[in-house]
PDB file of N, CA and C in Angstrom:
ATOM      1  N   MET A   1     -51.103 174.004 152.437  1.00  0.00           N
ATOM      2  CA  MET A   1     -50.499 172.789 151.930  1.00  0.00           C
ATOM      3  C   MET A   1     -49.527 173.178 150.811  1.00  0.00           C
ATOM      4  N   THR A   2     -48.366 172.586 150.811  1.00  0.00           N
ATOM      5  CA  THR A   2     -47.352 172.888 149.807  1.00  0.00           C
ATOM      6  C   THR A   2     -47.469 171.965 148.595  1.00  0.00           C
ATOM      7  N   MET A   3     -46.723 172.303 147.542  1.00  0.00           N
ATOM      8  CA  MET A   3     -46.694 171.446 146.365  1.00  0.00           C
ATOM      9  C   MET A   3     -46.232 170.042 146.750  1.00  0.00           C
ATOM     10  N   GLY A   4     -45.215 169.969 147.577  1.00  0.00           N
ATOM     11  CA  GLY A   4     -44.715 168.671 148.017  1.00  0.00           C
ATOM     12  C   GLY A   4     -45.764 167.874 148.770  1.00  0.00           C
ATOM     13  N   ASP A   5     -46.526 168.551 149.619  1.00  0.00           N
ATOM     14  CA  ASP A   5     -47.609 167.878 150.351  1.00  0.00           C
ATOM     15  C   ASP A   5     -48.639 167.308 149.388  1.00  0.00           C
ATOM     16  N   ARG A   6     -48.993 168.091 148.363  1.00  0.00           N
ATOM     17  CA  ARG A   6     -49.986 167.619 147.390  1.00  0.00           C
ATOM     18  C   ARG A   6     -49.448 166.411 146.618  1.00  0.00           C
ATOM     19  N   LEU A   7     -48.180 166.478 146.209  1.00  0.00           N
ATOM     20  CA  LEU A   7     -47.594 165.340 145.481  1.00  0.00           C
ATOM     21  C   LEU A   7     -47.571 164.094 146.359  1.00  0.00           C
ATOM     22  N   ARG A   8     -47.180 164.258 147.615  1.00  0.00           N
ATOM     23  CA  ARG A   8     -47.148 163.121 148.537  1.00  0.00           C
ATOM     24  C   ARG A   8     -48.548 162.547 148.724  1.00  0.00           C
ATOM     25  N   GLU A   9     -49.536 163.422 148.899  1.00  0.00           N
ATOM     26  CA  GLU A   9     -50.915 162.979 149.087  1.00  0.00           C
ATOM     27  C   GLU A   9     -51.420 162.223 147.859  1.00  0.00           C
ATOM     28  N   LEU A  10     -51.130 162.745 146.679  1.00  0.00           N
ATOM     29  CA  LEU A  10     -51.549 162.064 145.450  1.00  0.00           C
ATOM     30  C   LEU A  10     -50.898 160.694 145.332  1.00  0.00           C
ATOM     31  N   ARG A  11     -49.605 160.622 145.647  1.00  0.00           N
ATOM     32  CA  ARG A  11     -48.872 159.353 145.539  1.00  0.00           C
ATOM     33  C   ARG A  11     -49.400 158.343 146.543  1.00  0.00           C
ATOM     34  N   ILE A  12     -49.537 158.757 147.796  1.00  0.00           N
ATOM     35  CA  ILE A  12     -49.997 157.842 148.841  1.00  0.00           C
ATOM     36  C   ILE A  12     -51.447 157.418 148.592  1.00  0.00           C
ATOM     37  N   GLY A  13     -52.246 158.340 148.058  1.00  0.00           N
ATOM     38  CA  GLY A  13     -53.632 158.011 147.730  1.00  0.00           C
ATOM     39  C   GLY A  13     -53.754 156.892 146.707  1.00  0.00           C
ATOM     40  N   ARG A  14     -52.705 156.695 145.946  1.00  0.00           N
ATOM     41  CA  ARG A  14     -52.692 155.605 144.965  1.00  0.00           C
ATOM     42  C   ARG A  14     -51.825 154.443 145.409  1.00  0.00           C
ATOM     43  N   SER A  15     -51.374 154.481 146.657  1.00  0.00           N
ATOM     44  CA  SER A  15     -50.532 153.419 147.233  1.00  0.00           C
ATOM     45  C   SER A  15     -49.296 153.145 146.384  1.00  0.00           C
ATOM     46  N   LEU A  16     -48.631 154.216 145.974  1.00  0.00           N
ATOM     47  CA  LEU A  16     -47.436 154.084 145.145  1.00  0.00           C
ATOM     48  C   LEU A  16     -46.196 154.511 145.913  1.00  0.00           C
ATOM     49  N   SER A  17     -45.071 153.935 145.547  1.00  0.00           N
ATOM     50  CA  SER A  17     -43.797 154.365 146.112  1.00  0.00           C
ATOM     51  C   SER A  17     -43.262 155.542 145.310  1.00  0.00           C
ATOM     52  N   GLN A  18     -42.340 156.274 145.904  1.00  0.00           N
ATOM     53  CA  GLN A  18     -41.677 157.349 145.168  1.00  0.00           C
ATOM     54  C   GLN A  18     -40.978 156.778 143.939  1.00  0.00           C
ATOM     55  N   GLU A  19     -40.379 155.626 144.095  1.00  0.00           N
ATOM     56  CA  GLU A  19     -39.673 154.976 142.983  1.00  0.00           C
ATOM     57  C   GLU A  19     -40.625 154.691 141.824  1.00  0.00           C
ATOM     58  N   ALA A  20     -41.820 154.207 142.125  1.00  0.00           N
ATOM     59  CA  ALA A  20     -42.780 153.876 141.066  1.00  0.00           C
ATOM     60  C   ALA A  20     -43.201 155.126 140.295  1.00  0.00           C
ATOM     61  N   VAL A  21     -43.482 156.208 141.011  1.00  0.00           N
ATOM     62  CA  VAL A  21     -43.867 157.459 140.345  1.00  0.00           C
ATOM     63  C   VAL A  21     -42.712 157.962 139.489  1.00  0.00           C
ATOM     64  N   ALA A  22     -41.531 158.018 140.086  1.00  0.00           N
ATOM     65  CA  ALA A  22     -40.356 158.535 139.375  1.00  0.00           C
ATOM     66  C   ALA A  22     -40.068 157.732 138.108  1.00  0.00           C
ATOM     67  N   ARG A  23     -40.091 156.435 138.222  1.00  0.00           N
ATOM     68  CA  ARG A  23     -39.811 155.570 137.068  1.00  0.00           C
ATOM     69  C   ARG A  23     -40.836 155.801 135.962  1.00  0.00           C
ATOM     70  N   THR A  24     -42.103 155.918 136.335  1.00  0.00           N
ATOM     71  CA  THR A  24     -43.167 156.083 135.354  1.00  0.00           C
ATOM     72  C   THR A  24     -43.058 157.401 134.590  1.00  0.00           C
ATOM     73  N   ILE A  25     -42.677 158.477 135.296  1.00  0.00           N
ATOM     74  CA  ILE A  25     -42.601 159.774 134.613  1.00  0.00           C
ATOM     75  C   ILE A  25     -41.204 160.083 134.077  1.00  0.00           C
ATOM     76  N   GLY A  26     -40.242 159.174 134.321  1.00  0.00           N
ATOM     77  CA  GLY A  26     -38.922 159.311 133.705  1.00  0.00           C
ATOM     78  C   GLY A  26     -37.934 160.195 134.436  1.00  0.00           C
ATOM     79  N   ILE A  27     -38.001 160.193 135.780  1.00  0.00           N
ATOM     80  CA  ILE A  27     -37.015 160.930 136.572  1.00  0.00           C
ATOM     81  C   ILE A  27     -36.458 159.988 137.633  1.00  0.00           C
ATOM     82  N   THR A  28     -35.456 160.443 138.374  1.00  0.00           N
ATOM     83  CA  THR A  28     -34.906 159.608 139.438  1.00  0.00           C
ATOM     84  C   THR A  28     -35.774 159.707 140.688  1.00  0.00           C
ATOM     85  N   ARG A  29     -35.695 158.676 141.525  1.00  0.00           N
ATOM     86  CA  ARG A  29     -36.422 158.700 142.790  1.00  0.00           C
ATOM     87  C   ARG A  29     -35.940 159.858 143.642  1.00  0.00           C
ATOM     88  N   SER A  30     -34.651 160.125 143.601  1.00  0.00           N
ATOM     89  CA  SER A  30     -34.085 161.230 144.376  1.00  0.00           C
ATOM     90  C   SER A  30     -34.698 162.570 143.962  1.00  0.00           C
ATOM     91  N   ALA A  31     -34.820 162.800 142.659  1.00  0.00           N
ATOM     92  CA  ALA A  31     -35.426 164.051 142.176  1.00  0.00           C
ATOM     93  C   ALA A  31     -36.864 164.155 142.666  1.00  0.00           C
ATOM     94  N   TYR A  32     -37.620 163.069 142.536  1.00  0.00           N
ATOM     95  CA  TYR A  32     -39.008 163.096 142.989  1.00  0.00           C
ATOM     96  C   TYR A  32     -39.088 163.348 144.489  1.00  0.00           C
ATOM     97  N   SER A  33     -38.215 162.712 145.259  1.00  0.00           N
ATOM     98  CA  SER A  33     -38.185 162.897 146.699  1.00  0.00           C
ATOM     99  C   SER A  33     -37.977 164.369 147.054  1.00  0.00           C
ATOM    100  N   HIS A  34     -37.105 165.045 146.327  1.00  0.00           N
ATOM    101  CA  HIS A  34     -36.866 166.471 146.571  1.00  0.00           C
ATOM    102  C   HIS A  34     -38.115 167.306 146.304  1.00  0.00           C
ATOM    103  N   TYR A  35     -38.945 166.896 145.352  1.00  0.00           N
ATOM    104  CA  TYR A  35     -40.202 167.617 145.107  1.00  0.00           C
ATOM    105  C   TYR A  35     -41.121 167.482 146.314  1.00  0.00           C
ATOM    106  N   GLU A  36     -41.214 166.265 146.864  1.00  0.00           N
ATOM    107  CA  GLU A  36     -42.115 166.033 147.994  1.00  0.00           C
ATOM    108  C   GLU A  36     -41.671 166.758 149.258  1.00  0.00           C
ATOM    109  N   ILE A  37     -40.369 166.950 149.434  1.00  0.00           N
ATOM    110  CA  ILE A  37     -39.909 167.643 150.647  1.00  0.00           C
ATOM    111  C   ILE A  37     -39.628 169.122 150.378  1.00  0.00           C
ATOM    112  N   ASN A  38     -40.059 169.583 149.219  1.00  0.00           N
ATOM    113  CA  ASN A  38     -39.978 171.002 148.855  1.00  0.00           C
ATOM    114  C   ASN A  38     -38.558 171.561 148.776  1.00  0.00           C
ATOM    115  N   ASN A  39     -37.598 170.699 148.458  1.00  0.00           N
ATOM    116  CA  ASN A  39     -36.231 171.169 148.230  1.00  0.00           C
ATOM    117  C   ASN A  39     -36.032 171.659 146.806  1.00  0.00           C
ATOM    118  N   ARG A  40     -36.838 171.131 145.885  1.00  0.00           N
ATOM    119  CA  ARG A  40     -36.777 171.535 144.479  1.00  0.00           C
ATOM    120  C   ARG A  40     -38.181 171.556 143.918  1.00  0.00           C
ATOM    121  N   GLN A  41     -38.322 172.257 142.793  1.00  0.00           N
ATOM    122  CA  GLN A  41     -39.586 172.258 142.074  1.00  0.00           C
ATOM    123  C   GLN A  41     -39.360 171.645 140.699  1.00  0.00           C
ATOM    124  N   PRO A  42     -40.347 170.907 140.208  1.00  0.00           N
ATOM    125  CA  PRO A  42     -40.183 170.269 138.901  1.00  0.00           C
ATOM    126  C   PRO A  42     -40.112 171.297 137.770  1.00  0.00           C
ATOM    127  N   VAL A  43     -39.327 170.971 136.751  1.00  0.00           N
ATOM    128  CA  VAL A  43     -39.326 171.802 135.548  1.00  0.00           C
ATOM    129  C   VAL A  43     -40.664 171.603 134.840  1.00  0.00           C
ATOM    130  N   TYR A  44     -40.964 172.485 133.914  1.00  0.00           N
ATOM    131  CA  TYR A  44     -42.264 172.499 133.246  1.00  0.00           C
ATOM    132  C   TYR A  44     -42.642 171.133 132.670  1.00  0.00           C
ATOM    133  N   ASP A  45     -41.740 170.508 131.940  1.00  0.00           N
ATOM    134  CA  ASP A  45     -42.031 169.213 131.312  1.00  0.00           C
ATOM    135  C   ASP A  45     -42.373 168.160 132.359  1.00  0.00           C
ATOM    136  N   THR A  46     -41.636 168.140 133.445  1.00  0.00           N
ATOM    137  CA  THR A  46     -41.898 167.179 134.517  1.00  0.00           C
ATOM    138  C   THR A  46     -43.224 167.487 135.202  1.00  0.00           C
ATOM    139  N   LEU A  47     -43.522 168.752 135.388  1.00  0.00           N
ATOM    140  CA  LEU A  47     -44.801 169.159 135.971  1.00  0.00           C
ATOM    141  C   LEU A  47     -45.960 168.643 135.120  1.00  0.00           C
ATOM    142  N   LEU A  48     -45.836 168.771 133.803  1.00  0.00           N
ATOM    143  CA  LEU A  48     -46.880 168.266 132.907  1.00  0.00           C
ATOM    144  C   LEU A  48     -47.031 166.748 133.034  1.00  0.00           C
ATOM    145  N   ARG A  49     -45.912 166.045 133.117  1.00  0.00           N
ATOM    146  CA  ARG A  49     -45.977 164.577 133.253  1.00  0.00           C
ATOM    147  C   ARG A  49     -46.594 164.177 134.587  1.00  0.00           C
ATOM    148  N   LEU A  50     -46.262 164.912 135.656  1.00  0.00           N
ATOM    149  CA  LEU A  50     -46.866 164.620 136.963  1.00  0.00           C
ATOM    150  C   LEU A  50     -48.376 164.841 136.929  1.00  0.00           C
ATOM    151  N   ALA A  51     -48.800 165.950 136.358  1.00  0.00           N
ATOM    152  CA  ALA A  51     -50.236 166.237 136.269  1.00  0.00           C
ATOM    153  C   ALA A  51     -50.951 165.158 135.464  1.00  0.00           C
ATOM    154  N   ASP A  52     -50.359 164.756 134.359  1.00  0.00           N
ATOM    155  CA  ASP A  52     -50.951 163.708 133.533  1.00  0.00           C
ATOM    156  C   ASP A  52     -50.996 162.388 134.298  1.00  0.00           C
ATOM    157  N   PHE A  53     -49.903 162.043 134.950  1.00  0.00           N
ATOM    158  CA  PHE A  53     -49.835 160.788 135.692  1.00  0.00           C
ATOM    159  C   PHE A  53     -50.885 160.722 136.797  1.00  0.00           C
ATOM    160  N   PHE A  54     -51.018 161.812 137.561  1.00  0.00           N
ATOM    161  CA  PHE A  54     -51.960 161.830 138.681  1.00  0.00           C
ATOM    162  C   PHE A  54     -53.368 162.253 138.267  1.00  0.00           C
ATOM    163  N   ASN A  55     -53.538 162.596 136.987  1.00  0.00           N
ATOM    164  CA  ASN A  55     -54.839 162.996 136.458  1.00  0.00           C
ATOM    165  C   ASN A  55     -55.398 164.209 137.210  1.00  0.00           C
ATOM    166  N   VAL A  56     -54.537 165.211 137.395  1.00  0.00           N
ATOM    167  CA  VAL A  56     -54.923 166.479 138.008  1.00  0.00           C
ATOM    168  C   VAL A  56     -54.398 167.597 137.121  1.00  0.00           C
ATOM    169  N   THR A  57     -54.770 168.824 137.432  1.00  0.00           N
ATOM    170  CA  THR A  57     -54.259 169.959 136.672  1.00  0.00           C
ATOM    171  C   THR A  57     -52.908 170.385 137.226  1.00  0.00           C
ATOM    172  N   THR A  58     -52.139 171.076 136.402  1.00  0.00           N
ATOM    173  CA  THR A  58     -50.883 171.651 136.890  1.00  0.00           C
ATOM    174  C   THR A  58     -51.183 172.683 137.967  1.00  0.00           C
ATOM    175  N   ASP A  59     -52.294 173.417 137.828  1.00  0.00           N
ATOM    176  CA  ASP A  59     -52.698 174.382 138.854  1.00  0.00           C
ATOM    177  C   ASP A  59     -52.840 173.694 140.210  1.00  0.00           C
ATOM    178  N   TYR A  60     -53.444 172.519 140.209  1.00  0.00           N
ATOM    179  CA  TYR A  60     -53.624 171.810 141.469  1.00  0.00           C
ATOM    180  C   TYR A  60     -52.275 171.463 142.097  1.00  0.00           C
ATOM    181  N   ILE A  61     -51.349 170.963 141.301  1.00  0.00           N
ATOM    182  CA  ILE A  61     -50.039 170.611 141.846  1.00  0.00           C
ATOM    183  C   ILE A  61     -49.334 171.853 142.381  1.00  0.00           C
ATOM    184  N   ILE A  62     -49.395 172.942 141.638  1.00  0.00           N
ATOM    185  CA  ILE A  62     -48.665 174.153 142.013  1.00  0.00           C
ATOM    186  C   ILE A  62     -49.251 174.835 143.238  1.00  0.00           C
ATOM    187  N   ASP A  63     -50.553 175.105 143.216  1.00  0.00           N
ATOM    188  CA  ASP A  63     -51.105 175.910 144.313  1.00  0.00           C
ATOM    189  C   ASP A  63     -52.383 175.361 144.935  1.00  0.00           C
ATOM    190  N   GLY A  64     -52.766 174.162 144.560  1.00  0.00           N
ATOM    191  CA  GLY A  64     -53.936 173.550 145.176  1.00  0.00           C
ATOM    192  C   GLY A  64     -55.252 173.894 144.527  1.00  0.00           C
ATOM    193  N   SER A  65     -55.220 174.734 143.497  1.00  0.00           N
ATOM    194  CA  SER A  65     -56.462 175.076 142.809  1.00  0.00           C
ATOM    195  C   SER A  65     -56.576 174.240 141.546  1.00  0.00           C
ATOM    196  N   ALA A  66     -57.748 174.190 141.039  1.00  0.00           N
ATOM    197  CA  ALA A  66     -57.969 173.496 139.768  1.00  0.00           C
ATOM    198  C   ALA A  66     -58.979 174.302 138.993  1.00  0.00           C
ATOM    199  N   ARG A  67     -58.777 174.414 137.736  1.00  0.00           N
ATOM    200  CA  ARG A  67     -59.673 175.220 136.922  1.00  0.00           C
ATOM    201  C   ARG A  67     -60.446 174.315 135.985  1.00  0.00           C
ATOM    202  N   ASN A  68     -61.733 174.589 135.924  1.00  0.00           N
ATOM    203  CA  ASN A  68     -62.622 173.893 135.015  1.00  0.00           C
ATOM    204  C   ASN A  68     -63.262 174.987 134.174  1.00  0.00           C
ATOM    205  N   GLY A  69     -62.748 175.223 132.978  1.00  0.00           N
ATOM    206  CA  GLY A  69     -63.148 176.381 132.211  1.00  0.00           C
ATOM    207  C   GLY A  69     -62.622 177.607 132.924  1.00  0.00           C
ATOM    208  N   ASP A  70     -63.487 178.539 133.268  1.00  0.00           N
ATOM    209  CA  ASP A  70     -63.071 179.737 133.986  1.00  0.00           C
ATOM    210  C   ASP A  70     -63.396 179.672 135.469  1.00  0.00           C
ATOM    211  N   THR A  71     -63.919 178.550 135.947  1.00  0.00           N
ATOM    212  CA  THR A  71     -64.377 178.455 137.326  1.00  0.00           C
ATOM    213  C   THR A  71     -63.399 177.632 138.154  1.00  0.00           C
ATOM    214  N   ALA A  72     -62.931 178.177 139.245  1.00  0.00           N
ATOM    215  CA  ALA A  72     -62.054 177.440 140.157  1.00  0.00           C
ATOM    216  C   ALA A  72     -62.901 176.463 140.961  1.00  0.00           C
ATOM    217  N   MET A  73     -62.418 175.243 141.110  1.00  0.00           N
ATOM    218  CA  MET A  73     -63.127 174.263 141.916  1.00  0.00           C
ATOM    219  C   MET A  73     -62.878 174.548 143.386  1.00  0.00           C
ATOM    220  N   SER A  74     -63.875 174.311 144.205  1.00  0.00           N
ATOM    221  CA  SER A  74     -63.742 174.522 145.646  1.00  0.00           C
ATOM    222  C   SER A  74     -62.841 173.447 146.250  1.00  0.00           C
ATOM    223  N   ALA A  75     -62.382 173.711 147.445  1.00  0.00           N
ATOM    224  CA  ALA A  75     -61.546 172.739 148.161  1.00  0.00           C
ATOM    225  C   ALA A  75     -62.314 171.439 148.384  1.00  0.00           C
ATOM    226  N   GLU A  76     -63.621 171.563 148.646  1.00  0.00           N
ATOM    227  CA  GLU A  76     -64.444 170.377 148.867  1.00  0.00           C
ATOM    228  C   GLU A  76     -64.546 169.526 147.601  1.00  0.00           C
ATOM    229  N   THR A  77     -64.701 170.187 146.464  1.00  0.00           N
ATOM    230  CA  THR A  77     -64.777 169.466 145.192  1.00  0.00           C
ATOM    231  C   THR A  77     -63.466 168.760 144.900  1.00  0.00           C
ATOM    232  N   LEU A  78     -62.355 169.452 145.130  1.00  0.00           N
ATOM    233  CA  LEU A  78     -61.043 168.837 144.918  1.00  0.00           C
ATOM    234  C   LEU A  78     -60.852 167.627 145.821  1.00  0.00           C
ATOM    235  N   GLU A  79     -61.317 167.723 147.065  1.00  0.00           N
ATOM    236  CA  GLU A  79     -61.194 166.602 147.993  1.00  0.00           C
ATOM    237  C   GLU A  79     -62.017 165.416 147.515  1.00  0.00           C
ATOM    238  N   ILE A  80     -63.223 165.677 147.020  1.00  0.00           N
ATOM    239  CA  ILE A  80     -64.058 164.599 146.493  1.00  0.00           C
ATOM    240  C   ILE A  80     -63.377 163.934 145.305  1.00  0.00           C
ATOM    241  N   VAL A  81     -62.841 164.724 144.399  1.00  0.00           N
ATOM    242  CA  VAL A  81     -62.141 164.179 143.232  1.00  0.00           C
ATOM    243  C   VAL A  81     -60.940 163.355 143.675  1.00  0.00           C
ATOM    244  N   ARG A  82     -60.172 163.875 144.639  1.00  0.00           N
ATOM    245  CA  ARG A  82     -59.001 163.150 145.133  1.00  0.00           C
ATOM    246  C   ARG A  82     -59.405 161.805 145.732  1.00  0.00           C
ATOM    247  N   LEU A  83     -60.456 161.805 146.534  1.00  0.00           N
ATOM    248  CA  LEU A  83     -60.923 160.559 147.137  1.00  0.00           C
ATOM    249  C   LEU A  83     -61.411 159.573 146.079  1.00  0.00           C
ATOM    250  N   LEU A  84     -62.188 160.064 145.121  1.00  0.00           N
ATOM    251  CA  LEU A  84     -62.694 159.194 144.065  1.00  0.00           C
ATOM    252  C   LEU A  84     -61.550 158.597 143.243  1.00  0.00           C
ATOM    253  N   ASN A  85     -60.527 159.403 142.952  1.00  0.00           N
ATOM    254  CA  ASN A  85     -59.385 158.901 142.180  1.00  0.00           C
ATOM    255  C   ASN A  85     -58.638 157.796 142.910  1.00  0.00           C
ATOM    256  N   GLY A  86     -58.710 157.789 144.231  1.00  0.00           N
ATOM    257  CA  GLY A  86     -58.013 156.776 145.009  1.00  0.00           C
ATOM    258  C   GLY A  86     -58.780 155.475 145.180  1.00  0.00           C
ATOM    259  N   MET A  87     -60.007 155.421 144.681  1.00  0.00           N
ATOM    260  CA  MET A  87     -60.855 154.245 144.854  1.00  0.00           C
ATOM    261  C   MET A  87     -60.744 153.297 143.661  1.00  0.00           C
ATOM    262  N   ASP A  88     -61.058 152.019 143.936  1.00  0.00           N
ATOM    263  CA  ASP A  88     -61.161 151.096 142.812  1.00  0.00           C
ATOM    264  C   ASP A  88     -62.458 151.400 142.060  1.00  0.00           C
ATOM    265  N   THR A  89     -62.595 150.847 140.869  1.00  0.00           N
ATOM    266  CA  THR A  89     -63.702 151.186 139.973  1.00  0.00           C
ATOM    267  C   THR A  89     -65.067 150.941 140.601  1.00  0.00           C
ATOM    268  N   ASP A  90     -65.254 149.791 141.252  1.00  0.00           N
ATOM    269  CA  ASP A  90     -66.570 149.473 141.842  1.00  0.00           C
ATOM    270  C   ASP A  90     -66.922 150.432 142.976  1.00  0.00           C
ATOM    271  N   ARG A  91     -65.969 150.682 143.851  1.00  0.00           N
ATOM    272  CA  ARG A  91     -66.231 151.589 144.974  1.00  0.00           C
ATOM    273  C   ARG A  91     -66.503 153.008 144.475  1.00  0.00           C
ATOM    274  N   ARG A  92     -65.758 153.444 143.443  1.00  0.00           N
ATOM    275  CA  ARG A  92     -65.976 154.779 142.877  1.00  0.00           C
ATOM    276  C   ARG A  92     -67.381 154.885 142.313  1.00  0.00           C
ATOM    277  N   LYS A  93     -67.833 153.862 141.571  1.00  0.00           N
ATOM    278  CA  LYS A  93     -69.181 153.880 140.990  1.00  0.00           C
ATOM    279  C   LYS A  93     -70.234 153.918 142.084  1.00  0.00           C
ATOM    280  N   GLN A  94     -70.065 153.129 143.130  1.00  0.00           N
ATOM    281  CA  GLN A  94     -71.023 153.131 144.240  1.00  0.00           C
ATOM    282  C   GLN A  94     -71.087 154.507 144.905  1.00  0.00           C
ATOM    283  N   SER A  95     -69.929 155.113 145.115  1.00  0.00           N
ATOM    284  CA  SER A  95     -69.881 156.431 145.763  1.00  0.00           C
ATOM    285  C   SER A  95     -70.547 157.492 144.901  1.00  0.00           C
ATOM    286  N   ILE A  96     -70.284 157.460 143.601  1.00  0.00           N
ATOM    287  CA  ILE A  96     -70.898 158.427 142.690  1.00  0.00           C
ATOM    288  C   ILE A  96     -72.407 158.237 142.663  1.00  0.00           C
ATOM    289  N   ASP A  97     -72.863 156.984 142.621  1.00  0.00           N
ATOM    290  CA  ASP A  97     -74.303 156.712 142.631  1.00  0.00           C
ATOM    291  C   ASP A  97     -74.957 157.264 143.906  1.00  0.00           C
ATOM    292  N   LYS A  98     -74.294 157.101 145.053  1.00  0.00           N
ATOM    293  CA  LYS A  98     -74.841 157.619 146.310  1.00  0.00           C
ATOM    294  C   LYS A  98     -74.890 159.142 146.293  1.00  0.00           C
ATOM    295  N   MET A  99     -73.840 159.782 145.770  1.00  0.00           N
ATOM    296  CA  MET A  99     -73.853 161.245 145.702  1.00  0.00           C
ATOM    297  C   MET A  99     -74.961 161.741 144.786  1.00  0.00           C
ATOM    298  N   LEU A 100     -75.128 161.110 143.634  1.00  0.00           N
ATOM    299  CA  LEU A 100     -76.173 161.525 142.697  1.00  0.00           C
ATOM    300  C   LEU A 100     -77.556 161.351 143.315  1.00  0.00           C
ATOM    301  N   THR A 101     -77.763 160.248 144.031  1.00  0.00           N
ATOM    302  CA  THR A 101     -79.043 160.017 144.698  1.00  0.00           C
ATOM    303  C   THR A 101     -79.308 161.106 145.736  1.00  0.00           C
ATOM    304  N   ALA A 102     -78.303 161.440 146.531  1.00  0.00           N
ATOM    305  CA  ALA A 102     -78.457 162.478 147.556  1.00  0.00           C
ATOM    306  C   ALA A 102     -78.753 163.837 146.928  1.00  0.00           C
ATOM    307  N   ILE A 103     -78.090 164.138 145.829  1.00  0.00           N
ATOM    308  CA  ILE A 103     -78.317 165.423 145.134  1.00  0.00           C
ATOM    309  C   ILE A 103     -79.738 165.475 144.586  1.00  0.00           C
ATOM    310  N   ARG A 104     -80.174 164.396 143.952  1.00  0.00           N
ATOM    311  CA  ARG A 104     -81.516 164.369 143.366  1.00  0.00           C
ATOM    312  C   ARG A 104     -82.596 164.486 144.443  1.00  0.00           C
ATOM    313  N   GLU A 105     -82.350 163.850 145.599  1.00  0.00           N
ATOM    314  CA  GLU A 105     -83.329 163.899 146.697  1.00  0.00           C
ATOM    315  C   GLU A 105     -83.418 165.283 147.323  1.00  0.00           C
ATOM    316  N   SER A 106     -82.336 166.072 147.212  1.00  0.00           N
ATOM    317  CA  SER A 106     -82.344 167.392 147.819  1.00  0.00           C
ATOM    318  C   SER A 106     -82.908 168.463 146.896  1.00  0.00           C
ATOM    319  N   GLU A 107     -83.194 168.115 145.653  1.00  0.00           N
ATOM    320  CA  GLU A 107     -83.724 169.100 144.689  1.00  0.00           C
ATOM    321  C   GLU A 107     -85.189 169.350 144.897  1.00  0.00           C
TER     322      GLU A 107
END
């Protein structure tokens, strides 16, 4: 998966238009569109704003990894986080409660 694919997935997961993302982080829709189709890469400042906006690490945007301290998160963990971030508050709480129950039952 490319950086553009990850940006597109993050944007679509939040049901946002390219225009909405671009406006929020202070760039043009055209510039953002080029990031999603891998024609350009964001400068450092824009990368930081994208990571902050999507609530992910810059590592995740760049290469699909995410670091929590010194430990890289697995692809499965990143997928769970991505799915949870795309949910409304009630659905996210229900999903987390179900995961915690399943984990506790397996101990």
